[in-house]
Amino acid sequence: MTDAPGSARPDEPVTEPGLPSTARVEAFSDGVLAIAITLLILEVKVPEVDAPGGLAHALADTWPSYVTYLVTFGVIGIMWVNHHALFERIKVVNRSLMFLNLLLLMTISFLPFPTALLARYLRVGGQDASIAAAVYSLNALCIALAFSAMWRYLSRTPAVLADGFTTDMARTALKRAAIGPVIYASTIVIAFINPYLCLACHAGVALFFVLPGRHTGGR
């Protein structure tokens, strides 16, 4: 017996008319994250050498570009993993959820700019390095707040949740994700104390979320 035209099979979540499925939203998000993570390498420039034999020194002098690339690559990679985990808890998207996801993608896709800014001004040092580190931390804070906003919405909207995932579970995930905004707000302060320490803190946070049992579905 065939399904009636326009009807959904029992194992298929029903999507609001005119809106994409969760799979399409996730595929679009994957594309945005892939572009953002690829743009990072474009800011790692080949050093200019004025005299023969100076390449080794020039490569060593550009260490901030390598370090900020590695840290931000790891950050976006963790976001990609957590974004997938978050969407595993969603069976259907609505307009509110789509706009919250777009907000999250906007904050993530901006990351290549503060990454390049930090890489350049760490070599300069002084107040400019602190400002660059603070901008980087502010971007990370915005990302963490966007993740938290999505979890908050899920905790209040049971209709979009996947089977077996409850609003209580979403609230628990929200509490775990709430550590992100606190940490990144503190790194803004650290940036004006020591921009190098600020970058080290971001690397430490990335490693923290890689450890088993630290997964929250958000940063």
N, C-alpha and C. Protein backbone atom coordinates (compact mmCIF):
# COMPACT_ATOMS: atom_id res chain seq x y z
N MET A 1 0.85 -1.20 0.00
CA MET A 1 0.00 0.00 0.00
C MET A 1 0.88 1.24 0.00
N THR A 2 0.63 2.15 -0.88
CA THR A 2 1.46 3.35 -1.02
C THR A 2 0.91 4.48 -0.16
N ASP A 3 1.79 5.39 0.18
CA ASP A 3 1.37 6.55 0.96
C ASP A 3 0.53 7.48 0.12
N ALA A 4 -0.35 8.20 0.75
CA ALA A 4 -1.16 9.18 0.04
C ALA A 4 -0.27 10.32 -0.40
N PRO A 5 -0.59 10.96 -1.53
CA PRO A 5 0.24 12.06 -2.02
C PRO A 5 0.37 13.16 -0.97
N GLY A 6 1.62 13.61 -0.78
CA GLY A 6 1.87 14.71 0.14
C GLY A 6 1.99 14.28 1.59
N SER A 7 1.75 12.98 1.87
CA SER A 7 1.85 12.53 3.26
C SER A 7 3.29 12.15 3.57
N ALA A 8 3.63 12.21 4.85
CA ALA A 8 4.98 11.88 5.28
C ALA A 8 5.00 10.47 5.85
N ARG A 9 6.08 9.73 5.61
CA ARG A 9 6.23 8.42 6.18
C ARG A 9 6.45 8.56 7.68
N PRO A 10 6.12 7.54 8.47
CA PRO A 10 6.24 7.65 9.93
C PRO A 10 7.65 7.98 10.40
N ASP A 11 8.68 7.55 9.65
CA ASP A 11 10.05 7.77 10.08
C ASP A 11 10.63 9.08 9.56
N GLU A 12 9.81 9.89 8.92
CA GLU A 12 10.28 11.17 8.39
C GLU A 12 9.69 12.32 9.18
N PRO A 13 10.54 13.21 9.75
CA PRO A 13 10.01 14.36 10.47
C PRO A 13 9.28 15.31 9.53
N VAL A 14 8.24 15.90 10.03
CA VAL A 14 7.46 16.83 9.22
C VAL A 14 8.05 18.23 9.33
N THR A 15 8.36 18.83 8.21
CA THR A 15 8.93 20.17 8.16
C THR A 15 7.85 21.17 7.81
N GLU A 16 7.94 22.38 8.36
CA GLU A 16 6.99 23.43 8.02
C GLU A 16 7.02 23.68 6.51
N PRO A 17 5.85 23.92 5.90
CA PRO A 17 5.82 24.18 4.45
C PRO A 17 6.75 25.33 4.07
N GLY A 18 7.53 25.12 3.02
CA GLY A 18 8.42 26.16 2.52
C GLY A 18 9.76 26.21 3.21
N LEU A 19 9.98 25.38 4.22
CA LEU A 19 11.26 25.38 4.94
C LEU A 19 12.03 24.11 4.61
N PRO A 20 13.36 24.18 4.62
CA PRO A 20 14.16 23.00 4.29
C PRO A 20 14.15 21.98 5.42
N SER A 21 14.59 20.79 5.12
CA SER A 21 14.71 19.75 6.15
C SER A 21 15.93 20.02 7.01
N THR A 22 16.02 19.32 8.13
CA THR A 22 17.19 19.47 9.00
C THR A 22 18.47 19.08 8.26
N ALA A 23 18.37 18.08 7.38
CA ALA A 23 19.54 17.63 6.62
C ALA A 23 20.06 18.75 5.72
N ARG A 24 19.16 19.48 5.07
CA ARG A 24 19.58 20.57 4.19
C ARG A 24 20.17 21.72 4.98
N VAL A 25 19.58 22.02 6.13
CA VAL A 25 20.13 23.09 6.97
C VAL A 25 21.52 22.71 7.46
N GLU A 26 21.69 21.45 7.83
CA GLU A 26 22.99 21.00 8.30
C GLU A 26 24.01 21.00 7.17
N ALA A 27 23.58 20.63 5.96
CA ALA A 27 24.50 20.64 4.82
C ALA A 27 24.94 22.06 4.49
N PHE A 28 24.00 23.00 4.54
CA PHE A 28 24.33 24.41 4.31
C PHE A 28 25.33 24.90 5.36
N SER A 29 25.08 24.53 6.62
CA SER A 29 25.97 24.92 7.71
C SER A 29 27.36 24.33 7.52
N ASP A 30 27.41 23.08 7.08
CA ASP A 30 28.71 22.45 6.81
C ASP A 30 29.50 23.24 5.77
N GLY A 31 28.79 23.71 4.75
CA GLY A 31 29.45 24.48 3.70
C GLY A 31 30.04 25.78 4.23
N VAL A 32 29.27 26.47 5.07
CA VAL A 32 29.75 27.72 5.65
C VAL A 32 30.97 27.48 6.53
N LEU A 33 30.92 26.44 7.35
CA LEU A 33 32.05 26.13 8.23
C LEU A 33 33.28 25.71 7.42
N ALA A 34 33.05 24.98 6.33
CA ALA A 34 34.17 24.55 5.48
C ALA A 34 34.85 25.75 4.85
N ILE A 35 34.08 26.73 4.41
CA ILE A 35 34.66 27.94 3.83
C ILE A 35 35.44 28.72 4.88
N ALA A 36 34.85 28.86 6.07
CA ALA A 36 35.50 29.62 7.14
C ALA A 36 36.83 28.99 7.53
N ILE A 37 36.86 27.67 7.63
CA ILE A 37 38.09 26.99 8.05
C ILE A 37 39.15 27.02 6.95
N THR A 38 38.68 27.09 5.69
CA THR A 38 39.62 27.15 4.56
C THR A 38 40.24 28.54 4.44
N LEU A 39 39.44 29.57 4.74
CA LEU A 39 39.94 30.94 4.63
C LEU A 39 41.09 31.21 5.60
N LEU A 40 41.18 30.43 6.66
CA LEU A 40 42.24 30.66 7.65
C LEU A 40 43.63 30.56 7.03
N ILE A 41 43.82 29.58 6.16
CA ILE A 41 45.16 29.35 5.61
C ILE A 41 45.58 30.47 4.66
N LEU A 42 44.61 31.20 4.12
CA LEU A 42 44.94 32.28 3.19
C LEU A 42 45.67 33.42 3.89
N GLU A 43 45.54 33.49 5.21
CA GLU A 43 46.21 34.55 5.97
C GLU A 43 47.62 34.15 6.41
N VAL A 44 48.01 32.91 6.14
CA VAL A 44 49.37 32.48 6.44
C VAL A 44 50.21 32.76 5.19
N LYS A 45 50.89 33.89 5.20
CA LYS A 45 51.60 34.38 4.02
C LYS A 45 53.01 33.82 3.93
N VAL A 46 53.50 33.71 2.70
CA VAL A 46 54.90 33.36 2.48
C VAL A 46 55.76 34.57 2.85
N PRO A 47 56.72 34.42 3.76
CA PRO A 47 57.52 35.57 4.21
C PRO A 47 58.44 36.08 3.10
N GLU A 48 58.64 37.40 3.11
CA GLU A 48 59.56 38.04 2.18
C GLU A 48 60.97 38.06 2.78
N VAL A 49 61.94 37.68 1.99
CA VAL A 49 63.34 37.65 2.45
C VAL A 49 64.15 38.63 1.62
N ASP A 50 64.82 39.57 2.31
CA ASP A 50 65.60 40.60 1.62
C ASP A 50 66.97 40.10 1.18
N ALA A 51 67.52 39.17 1.95
CA ALA A 51 68.89 38.71 1.64
C ALA A 51 68.93 37.18 1.69
N PRO A 52 69.81 36.57 0.91
CA PRO A 52 69.93 35.11 0.94
C PRO A 52 70.28 34.61 2.34
N GLY A 53 69.68 33.49 2.70
CA GLY A 53 69.95 32.90 4.00
C GLY A 53 69.07 33.40 5.11
N GLY A 54 68.14 34.29 4.78
CA GLY A 54 67.29 34.86 5.83
C GLY A 54 65.94 34.19 5.97
N LEU A 55 65.70 33.10 5.22
CA LEU A 55 64.37 32.48 5.23
C LEU A 55 64.05 31.86 6.58
N ALA A 56 65.02 31.20 7.19
CA ALA A 56 64.77 30.55 8.48
C ALA A 56 64.32 31.57 9.52
N HIS A 57 65.02 32.72 9.55
CA HIS A 57 64.65 33.77 10.51
C HIS A 57 63.26 34.32 10.19
N ALA A 58 62.97 34.49 8.89
CA ALA A 58 61.67 35.04 8.48
C ALA A 58 60.54 34.07 8.86
N LEU A 59 60.78 32.77 8.67
CA LEU A 59 59.76 31.78 9.03
C LEU A 59 59.53 31.78 10.54
N ALA A 60 60.59 31.88 11.30
CA ALA A 60 60.45 31.91 12.76
C ALA A 60 59.73 33.17 13.22
N ASP A 61 59.95 34.27 12.50
CA ASP A 61 59.35 35.55 12.87
C ASP A 61 57.84 35.56 12.64
N THR A 62 57.36 34.67 11.79
CA THR A 62 55.92 34.65 11.49
C THR A 62 55.19 33.59 12.33
N TRP A 63 55.75 33.20 13.47
CA TRP A 63 55.13 32.18 14.31
C TRP A 63 53.70 32.52 14.73
N PRO A 64 53.34 33.81 14.95
CA PRO A 64 51.94 34.06 15.33
C PRO A 64 50.93 33.59 14.28
N SER A 65 51.31 33.64 13.01
CA SER A 65 50.41 33.18 11.96
C SER A 65 50.15 31.68 12.07
N TYR A 66 51.21 30.92 12.38
CA TYR A 66 51.05 29.47 12.50
C TYR A 66 50.21 29.12 13.73
N VAL A 67 50.50 29.78 14.84
CA VAL A 67 49.82 29.45 16.09
C VAL A 67 48.34 29.83 16.02
N THR A 68 48.05 31.04 15.54
CA THR A 68 46.65 31.45 15.46
C THR A 68 45.88 30.59 14.46
N TYR A 69 46.56 30.17 13.39
CA TYR A 69 45.91 29.26 12.44
C TYR A 69 45.55 27.94 13.12
N LEU A 70 46.50 27.35 13.84
CA LEU A 70 46.25 26.07 14.50
C LEU A 70 45.13 26.18 15.54
N VAL A 71 45.17 27.24 16.35
CA VAL A 71 44.17 27.41 17.39
C VAL A 71 42.78 27.58 16.78
N THR A 72 42.67 28.47 15.78
CA THR A 72 41.37 28.73 15.20
C THR A 72 40.86 27.55 14.37
N PHE A 73 41.76 26.83 13.72
CA PHE A 73 41.36 25.62 13.01
C PHE A 73 40.73 24.64 13.99
N GLY A 74 41.38 24.48 15.14
CA GLY A 74 40.83 23.60 16.16
C GLY A 74 39.50 24.08 16.70
N VAL A 75 39.39 25.39 16.89
CA VAL A 75 38.14 25.97 17.40
C VAL A 75 36.99 25.70 16.43
N ILE A 76 37.20 26.00 15.15
CA ILE A 76 36.13 25.78 14.18
C ILE A 76 35.83 24.29 14.03
N GLY A 77 36.87 23.45 14.10
CA GLY A 77 36.64 22.02 14.03
C GLY A 77 35.76 21.53 15.16
N ILE A 78 35.99 22.00 16.37
CA ILE A 78 35.16 21.62 17.51
C ILE A 78 33.74 22.14 17.33
N MET A 79 33.59 23.34 16.81
CA MET A 79 32.26 23.88 16.54
C MET A 79 31.50 23.01 15.54
N TRP A 80 32.23 22.52 14.54
CA TRP A 80 31.60 21.65 13.54
C TRP A 80 31.07 20.37 14.20
N VAL A 81 31.89 19.77 15.05
CA VAL A 81 31.48 18.56 15.76
C VAL A 81 30.27 18.84 16.64
N ASN A 82 30.32 19.94 17.40
CA ASN A 82 29.24 20.27 18.31
C ASN A 82 27.96 20.67 17.57
N HIS A 83 28.13 21.29 16.41
CA HIS A 83 26.97 21.67 15.61
C HIS A 83 26.23 20.42 15.12
N HIS A 84 26.99 19.42 14.70
CA HIS A 84 26.38 18.16 14.29
C HIS A 84 25.65 17.51 15.46
N ALA A 85 26.29 17.53 16.63
CA ALA A 85 25.67 16.94 17.81
C ALA A 85 24.37 17.66 18.17
N LEU A 86 24.37 18.98 18.03
CA LEU A 86 23.17 19.74 18.32
C LEU A 86 22.03 19.37 17.38
N PHE A 87 22.35 19.25 16.09
CA PHE A 87 21.29 18.95 15.11
C PHE A 87 20.82 17.51 15.20
N GLU A 88 21.58 16.63 15.84
CA GLU A 88 21.09 15.28 16.09
C GLU A 88 19.93 15.30 17.06
N ARG A 89 19.81 16.39 17.82
CA ARG A 89 18.71 16.52 18.79
C ARG A 89 17.49 17.21 18.19
N ILE A 90 17.55 17.54 16.92
CA ILE A 90 16.46 18.28 16.26
C ILE A 90 15.82 17.41 15.19
N LYS A 91 14.51 17.32 15.21
CA LYS A 91 13.83 16.52 14.19
C LYS A 91 13.23 17.39 13.09
N VAL A 92 13.00 18.65 13.39
CA VAL A 92 12.39 19.55 12.40
C VAL A 92 12.81 20.97 12.68
N VAL A 93 13.02 21.76 11.64
CA VAL A 93 13.40 23.16 11.81
C VAL A 93 12.20 24.06 11.55
N ASN A 94 12.18 25.19 12.23
CA ASN A 94 11.19 26.23 11.94
C ASN A 94 11.94 27.53 11.66
N ARG A 95 11.21 28.59 11.42
CA ARG A 95 11.86 29.85 11.03
C ARG A 95 12.75 30.39 12.15
N SER A 96 12.28 30.31 13.38
CA SER A 96 13.07 30.82 14.50
C SER A 96 14.40 30.08 14.62
N LEU A 97 14.34 28.77 14.49
CA LEU A 97 15.56 27.97 14.59
C LEU A 97 16.51 28.25 13.43
N MET A 98 15.96 28.47 12.25
CA MET A 98 16.79 28.79 11.09
C MET A 98 17.53 30.11 11.28
N PHE A 99 16.84 31.11 11.82
CA PHE A 99 17.49 32.40 12.02
C PHE A 99 18.53 32.33 13.13
N LEU A 100 18.26 31.54 14.16
CA LEU A 100 19.26 31.36 15.21
C LEU A 100 20.50 30.65 14.65
N ASN A 101 20.28 29.69 13.77
CA ASN A 101 21.41 29.00 13.14
C ASN A 101 22.20 29.95 12.24
N LEU A 102 21.50 30.82 11.53
CA LEU A 102 22.18 31.81 10.69
C LEU A 102 23.01 32.76 11.55
N LEU A 103 22.48 33.13 12.71
CA LEU A 103 23.24 33.99 13.63
C LEU A 103 24.53 33.29 14.06
N LEU A 104 24.41 32.01 14.39
CA LEU A 104 25.59 31.24 14.76
C LEU A 104 26.61 31.19 13.63
N LEU A 105 26.14 30.92 12.42
CA LEU A 105 27.04 30.83 11.27
C LEU A 105 27.70 32.18 10.97
N MET A 106 26.97 33.26 11.19
CA MET A 106 27.54 34.59 10.97
C MET A 106 28.71 34.84 11.91
N THR A 107 28.56 34.46 13.17
CA THR A 107 29.64 34.69 14.14
C THR A 107 30.85 33.79 13.84
N ILE A 108 30.59 32.56 13.38
CA ILE A 108 31.70 31.65 13.07
C ILE A 108 32.43 32.09 11.81
N SER A 109 31.68 32.48 10.78
CA SER A 109 32.31 32.86 9.52
C SER A 109 33.13 34.14 9.64
N PHE A 110 32.93 34.90 10.72
CA PHE A 110 33.71 36.12 10.94
C PHE A 110 35.10 35.81 11.52
N LEU A 111 35.30 34.61 12.02
CA LEU A 111 36.53 34.25 12.72
C LEU A 111 37.83 34.48 11.93
N PRO A 112 37.86 34.24 10.61
CA PRO A 112 39.12 34.48 9.89
C PRO A 112 39.65 35.91 10.04
N PHE A 113 38.76 36.90 10.19
CA PHE A 113 39.23 38.28 10.33
C PHE A 113 39.98 38.51 11.64
N PRO A 114 39.38 38.21 12.82
CA PRO A 114 40.17 38.42 14.05
C PRO A 114 41.38 37.50 14.15
N THR A 115 41.33 36.36 13.46
CA THR A 115 42.50 35.47 13.44
C THR A 115 43.66 36.16 12.73
N ALA A 116 43.38 36.74 11.55
CA ALA A 116 44.41 37.47 10.82
C ALA A 116 44.88 38.71 11.59
N LEU A 117 43.93 39.38 12.23
CA LEU A 117 44.25 40.57 13.02
C LEU A 117 45.20 40.22 14.16
N LEU A 118 44.90 39.14 14.86
CA LEU A 118 45.73 38.73 15.98
C LEU A 118 47.11 38.28 15.52
N ALA A 119 47.15 37.53 14.41
CA ALA A 119 48.44 37.06 13.89
C ALA A 119 49.35 38.23 13.53
N ARG A 120 48.78 39.27 12.95
CA ARG A 120 49.60 40.42 12.53
C ARG A 120 50.08 41.23 13.73
N TYR A 121 49.19 41.52 14.67
CA TYR A 121 49.55 42.46 15.73
C TYR A 121 50.23 41.82 16.93
N LEU A 122 50.22 40.49 17.01
CA LEU A 122 51.05 39.85 18.03
C LEU A 122 52.52 40.12 17.75
N ARG A 123 52.87 40.23 16.46
CA ARG A 123 54.26 40.53 16.11
C ARG A 123 54.62 41.98 16.43
N VAL A 124 53.61 42.85 16.43
CA VAL A 124 53.85 44.26 16.74
C VAL A 124 53.98 44.46 18.25
N GLY A 125 53.10 43.78 18.99
CA GLY A 125 53.13 43.88 20.45
C GLY A 125 52.45 45.15 20.95
N GLY A 126 52.53 45.40 22.23
CA GLY A 126 51.96 46.61 22.82
C GLY A 126 50.45 46.58 22.89
N GLN A 127 49.87 47.79 22.93
CA GLN A 127 48.42 47.92 23.06
C GLN A 127 47.67 47.35 21.86
N ASP A 128 48.26 47.48 20.68
CA ASP A 128 47.60 46.96 19.48
C ASP A 128 47.42 45.44 19.56
N ALA A 129 48.40 44.75 20.11
CA ALA A 129 48.29 43.30 20.28
C ALA A 129 47.17 42.96 21.26
N SER A 130 47.03 43.74 22.30
CA SER A 130 45.97 43.51 23.28
C SER A 130 44.59 43.74 22.66
N ILE A 131 44.48 44.80 21.87
CA ILE A 131 43.21 45.08 21.21
C ILE A 131 42.85 43.96 20.24
N ALA A 132 43.83 43.48 19.48
CA ALA A 132 43.58 42.38 18.54
C ALA A 132 43.13 41.12 19.28
N ALA A 133 43.78 40.83 20.41
CA ALA A 133 43.40 39.66 21.20
C ALA A 133 42.00 39.83 21.78
N ALA A 134 41.65 41.06 22.17
CA ALA A 134 40.32 41.31 22.71
C ALA A 134 39.25 41.13 21.64
N VAL A 135 39.55 41.56 20.41
CA VAL A 135 38.60 41.37 19.30
C VAL A 135 38.39 39.88 19.04
N TYR A 136 39.48 39.12 19.07
CA TYR A 136 39.39 37.67 18.88
C TYR A 136 38.51 37.05 19.97
N SER A 137 38.72 37.46 21.22
CA SER A 137 37.94 36.93 22.33
C SER A 137 36.48 37.35 22.24
N LEU A 138 36.24 38.57 21.79
CA LEU A 138 34.87 39.05 21.64
C LEU A 138 34.13 38.22 20.60
N ASN A 139 34.80 37.88 19.51
CA ASN A 139 34.19 37.03 18.48
C ASN A 139 33.85 35.65 19.08
N ALA A 140 34.78 35.10 19.87
CA ALA A 140 34.53 33.81 20.51
C ALA A 140 33.36 33.90 21.48
N LEU A 141 33.25 35.00 22.18
CA LEU A 141 32.13 35.21 23.10
C LEU A 141 30.80 35.23 22.34
N CYS A 142 30.78 35.91 21.21
CA CYS A 142 29.55 35.97 20.40
C CYS A 142 29.14 34.58 19.91
N ILE A 143 30.13 33.78 19.53
CA ILE A 143 29.85 32.42 19.08
C ILE A 143 29.24 31.61 20.23
N ALA A 144 29.85 31.71 21.40
CA ALA A 144 29.36 30.97 22.56
C ALA A 144 27.94 31.39 22.92
N LEU A 145 27.65 32.68 22.83
CA LEU A 145 26.30 33.17 23.12
C LEU A 145 25.30 32.67 22.07
N ALA A 146 25.73 32.57 20.82
CA ALA A 146 24.85 32.07 19.77
C ALA A 146 24.52 30.59 19.99
N PHE A 147 25.52 29.82 20.38
CA PHE A 147 25.27 28.41 20.72
C PHE A 147 24.29 28.31 21.89
N SER A 148 24.50 29.12 22.90
CA SER A 148 23.62 29.10 24.07
C SER A 148 22.20 29.49 23.70
N ALA A 149 22.06 30.45 22.80
CA ALA A 149 20.73 30.87 22.36
C ALA A 149 19.99 29.72 21.67
N MET A 150 20.71 28.92 20.89
CA MET A 150 20.08 27.77 20.24
C MET A 150 19.64 26.74 21.27
N TRP A 151 20.50 26.47 22.26
CA TRP A 151 20.11 25.52 23.29
C TRP A 151 18.94 26.04 24.12
N ARG A 152 18.93 27.32 24.39
CA ARG A 152 17.81 27.90 25.14
C ARG A 152 16.50 27.74 24.36
N TYR A 153 16.58 27.97 23.06
CA TYR A 153 15.36 27.82 22.24
C TYR A 153 14.89 26.36 22.26
N LEU A 154 15.83 25.42 22.14
CA LEU A 154 15.44 24.01 22.17
C LEU A 154 14.83 23.63 23.51
N SER A 155 15.33 24.22 24.58
CA SER A 155 14.82 23.89 25.92
C SER A 155 13.38 24.40 26.11
N ARG A 156 12.95 25.31 25.25
CA ARG A 156 11.61 25.88 25.37
C ARG A 156 10.67 25.47 24.24
N THR A 157 11.18 24.66 23.31
CA THR A 157 10.37 24.31 22.14
C THR A 157 10.41 22.81 21.91
N PRO A 158 9.62 22.04 22.65
CA PRO A 158 9.66 20.58 22.52
C PRO A 158 9.23 20.07 21.16
N ALA A 159 8.47 20.87 20.40
CA ALA A 159 7.96 20.40 19.11
C ALA A 159 9.07 20.13 18.10
N VAL A 160 10.23 20.76 18.27
CA VAL A 160 11.31 20.57 17.29
C VAL A 160 12.31 19.51 17.71
N LEU A 161 12.16 18.96 18.91
CA LEU A 161 13.15 18.04 19.44
C LEU A 161 12.99 16.63 18.87
N ALA A 162 14.11 15.97 18.70
CA ALA A 162 14.11 14.59 18.21
C ALA A 162 13.50 13.67 19.26
N ASP A 163 13.00 12.54 18.81
CA ASP A 163 12.41 11.57 19.72
C ASP A 163 13.46 11.10 20.73
N GLY A 164 13.08 11.07 22.00
CA GLY A 164 13.98 10.63 23.05
C GLY A 164 14.80 11.75 23.66
N PHE A 165 14.74 12.94 23.07
CA PHE A 165 15.46 14.09 23.62
C PHE A 165 14.44 15.07 24.15
N THR A 166 14.50 15.35 25.44
CA THR A 166 13.49 16.16 26.11
C THR A 166 13.99 17.57 26.38
N THR A 167 13.05 18.42 26.79
CA THR A 167 13.43 19.80 27.13
C THR A 167 14.32 19.82 28.37
N ASP A 168 14.13 18.87 29.28
CA ASP A 168 15.01 18.78 30.45
C ASP A 168 16.45 18.49 30.01
N MET A 169 16.61 17.61 29.02
CA MET A 169 17.95 17.32 28.50
C MET A 169 18.54 18.55 27.83
N ALA A 170 17.70 19.30 27.13
CA ALA A 170 18.16 20.53 26.48
C ALA A 170 18.59 21.56 27.52
N ARG A 171 17.87 21.63 28.63
CA ARG A 171 18.25 22.56 29.70
C ARG A 171 19.58 22.16 30.33
N THR A 172 19.81 20.85 30.46
CA THR A 172 21.09 20.38 30.98
C THR A 172 22.22 20.76 30.03
N ALA A 173 21.98 20.59 28.72
CA ALA A 173 22.99 20.97 27.72
C ALA A 173 23.24 22.48 27.76
N LEU A 174 22.18 23.25 27.99
CA LEU A 174 22.31 24.70 28.08
C LEU A 174 23.20 25.09 29.26
N LYS A 175 23.02 24.41 30.39
CA LYS A 175 23.84 24.71 31.56
C LYS A 175 25.31 24.39 31.29
N ARG A 176 25.56 23.29 30.58
CA ARG A 176 26.94 22.93 30.26
C ARG A 176 27.55 23.92 29.27
N ALA A 177 26.74 24.35 28.30
CA ALA A 177 27.25 25.29 27.31
C ALA A 177 27.47 26.68 27.88
N ALA A 178 26.84 26.97 29.03
CA ALA A 178 26.94 28.30 29.63
C ALA A 178 28.34 28.63 30.10
N ILE A 179 29.19 27.62 30.23
CA ILE A 179 30.57 27.88 30.65
C ILE A 179 31.34 28.66 29.58
N GLY A 180 30.93 28.47 28.31
CA GLY A 180 31.62 29.14 27.21
C GLY A 180 31.62 30.65 27.32
N PRO A 181 30.43 31.29 27.43
CA PRO A 181 30.41 32.75 27.54
C PRO A 181 31.22 33.28 28.73
N VAL A 182 31.21 32.54 29.84
CA VAL A 182 31.96 32.99 31.02
C VAL A 182 33.46 32.97 30.74
N ILE A 183 33.91 31.88 30.13
CA ILE A 183 35.35 31.75 29.84
C ILE A 183 35.79 32.82 28.85
N TYR A 184 35.03 33.00 27.78
CA TYR A 184 35.46 33.93 26.74
C TYR A 184 35.35 35.38 27.19
N ALA A 185 34.40 35.68 28.07
CA ALA A 185 34.34 37.03 28.63
C ALA A 185 35.59 37.30 29.46
N SER A 186 36.06 36.28 30.17
CA SER A 186 37.28 36.47 30.97
C SER A 186 38.52 36.64 30.10
N THR A 187 38.54 36.01 28.92
CA THR A 187 39.71 36.17 28.04
C THR A 187 39.80 37.58 27.46
N ILE A 188 38.67 38.28 27.41
CA ILE A 188 38.73 39.68 26.96
C ILE A 188 39.55 40.50 27.96
N VAL A 189 39.32 40.23 29.24
CA VAL A 189 40.09 40.91 30.28
C VAL A 189 41.56 40.50 30.21
N ILE A 190 41.79 39.21 30.03
CA ILE A 190 43.17 38.69 29.95
C ILE A 190 43.91 39.30 28.76
N ALA A 191 43.19 39.59 27.69
CA ALA A 191 43.82 40.17 26.50
C ALA A 191 44.54 41.47 26.81
N PHE A 192 44.00 42.26 27.73
CA PHE A 192 44.62 43.54 28.07
C PHE A 192 45.71 43.38 29.13
N ILE A 193 45.79 42.19 29.72
CA ILE A 193 46.88 41.90 30.65
C ILE A 193 48.07 41.33 29.90
N ASN A 194 47.79 40.33 29.06
CA ASN A 194 48.83 39.69 28.27
C ASN A 194 48.19 39.02 27.06
N PRO A 195 48.36 39.56 25.86
CA PRO A 195 47.71 38.98 24.67
C PRO A 195 48.19 37.58 24.35
N TYR A 196 49.44 37.27 24.70
CA TYR A 196 49.97 35.92 24.46
C TYR A 196 49.29 34.90 25.37
N LEU A 197 49.07 35.31 26.61
CA LEU A 197 48.34 34.45 27.55
C LEU A 197 46.91 34.26 27.08
N CYS A 198 46.33 35.30 26.51
CA CYS A 198 44.97 35.21 25.99
C CYS A 198 44.88 34.13 24.90
N LEU A 199 45.83 34.13 23.98
CA LEU A 199 45.85 33.12 22.93
C LEU A 199 46.04 31.74 23.52
N ALA A 200 46.89 31.63 24.52
CA ALA A 200 47.11 30.34 25.18
C ALA A 200 45.83 29.85 25.85
N CYS A 201 45.05 30.76 26.40
CA CYS A 201 43.77 30.39 27.02
C CYS A 201 42.81 29.81 25.98
N HIS A 202 42.77 30.42 24.81
CA HIS A 202 41.91 29.90 23.74
C HIS A 202 42.35 28.51 23.31
N ALA A 203 43.65 28.30 23.24
CA ALA A 203 44.16 26.96 22.92
C ALA A 203 43.78 25.97 24.00
N GLY A 204 43.88 26.39 25.25
CA GLY A 204 43.51 25.52 26.36
C GLY A 204 42.03 25.16 26.36
N VAL A 205 41.18 26.13 26.04
CA VAL A 205 39.74 25.86 25.98
C VAL A 205 39.44 24.86 24.87
N ALA A 206 40.10 25.03 23.72
CA ALA A 206 39.90 24.10 22.61
C ALA A 206 40.29 22.68 23.02
N LEU A 207 41.42 22.54 23.69
CA LEU A 207 41.86 21.22 24.15
C LEU A 207 40.89 20.66 25.19
N PHE A 208 40.35 21.52 26.03
CA PHE A 208 39.40 21.10 27.06
C PHE A 208 38.19 20.43 26.43
N PHE A 209 37.67 21.02 25.37
CA PHE A 209 36.46 20.48 24.74
C PHE A 209 36.74 19.27 23.86
N VAL A 210 38.01 18.99 23.60
CA VAL A 210 38.37 17.79 22.85
C VAL A 210 38.38 16.56 23.76
N LEU A 211 38.63 16.78 25.06
CA LEU A 211 38.74 15.67 25.99
C LEU A 211 37.44 14.88 26.08
N PRO A 212 37.52 13.56 26.26
CA PRO A 212 36.32 12.74 26.40
C PRO A 212 35.47 13.21 27.58
N GLY A 213 34.15 13.23 27.39
CA GLY A 213 33.25 13.62 28.45
C GLY A 213 33.03 15.11 28.55
N ARG A 214 33.71 15.91 27.69
CA ARG A 214 33.56 17.36 27.74
C ARG A 214 32.58 17.87 26.70
N HIS A 215 32.00 16.96 25.94
CA HIS A 215 31.09 17.37 24.88
C HIS A 215 29.82 17.96 25.46
N THR A 216 29.42 19.10 24.96
CA THR A 216 28.19 19.74 25.42
C THR A 216 27.23 20.00 24.30
N GLY A 217 27.66 19.81 23.07
CA GLY A 217 26.81 20.19 21.95
C GLY A 217 26.97 21.65 21.60
N GLY A 218 27.70 22.40 22.36
CA GLY A 218 27.98 23.79 22.10
C GLY A 218 29.32 24.11 22.69
N ARG A 219 29.89 25.26 22.33
CA ARG A 219 31.22 25.58 22.83
C ARG A 219 31.14 26.17 24.21
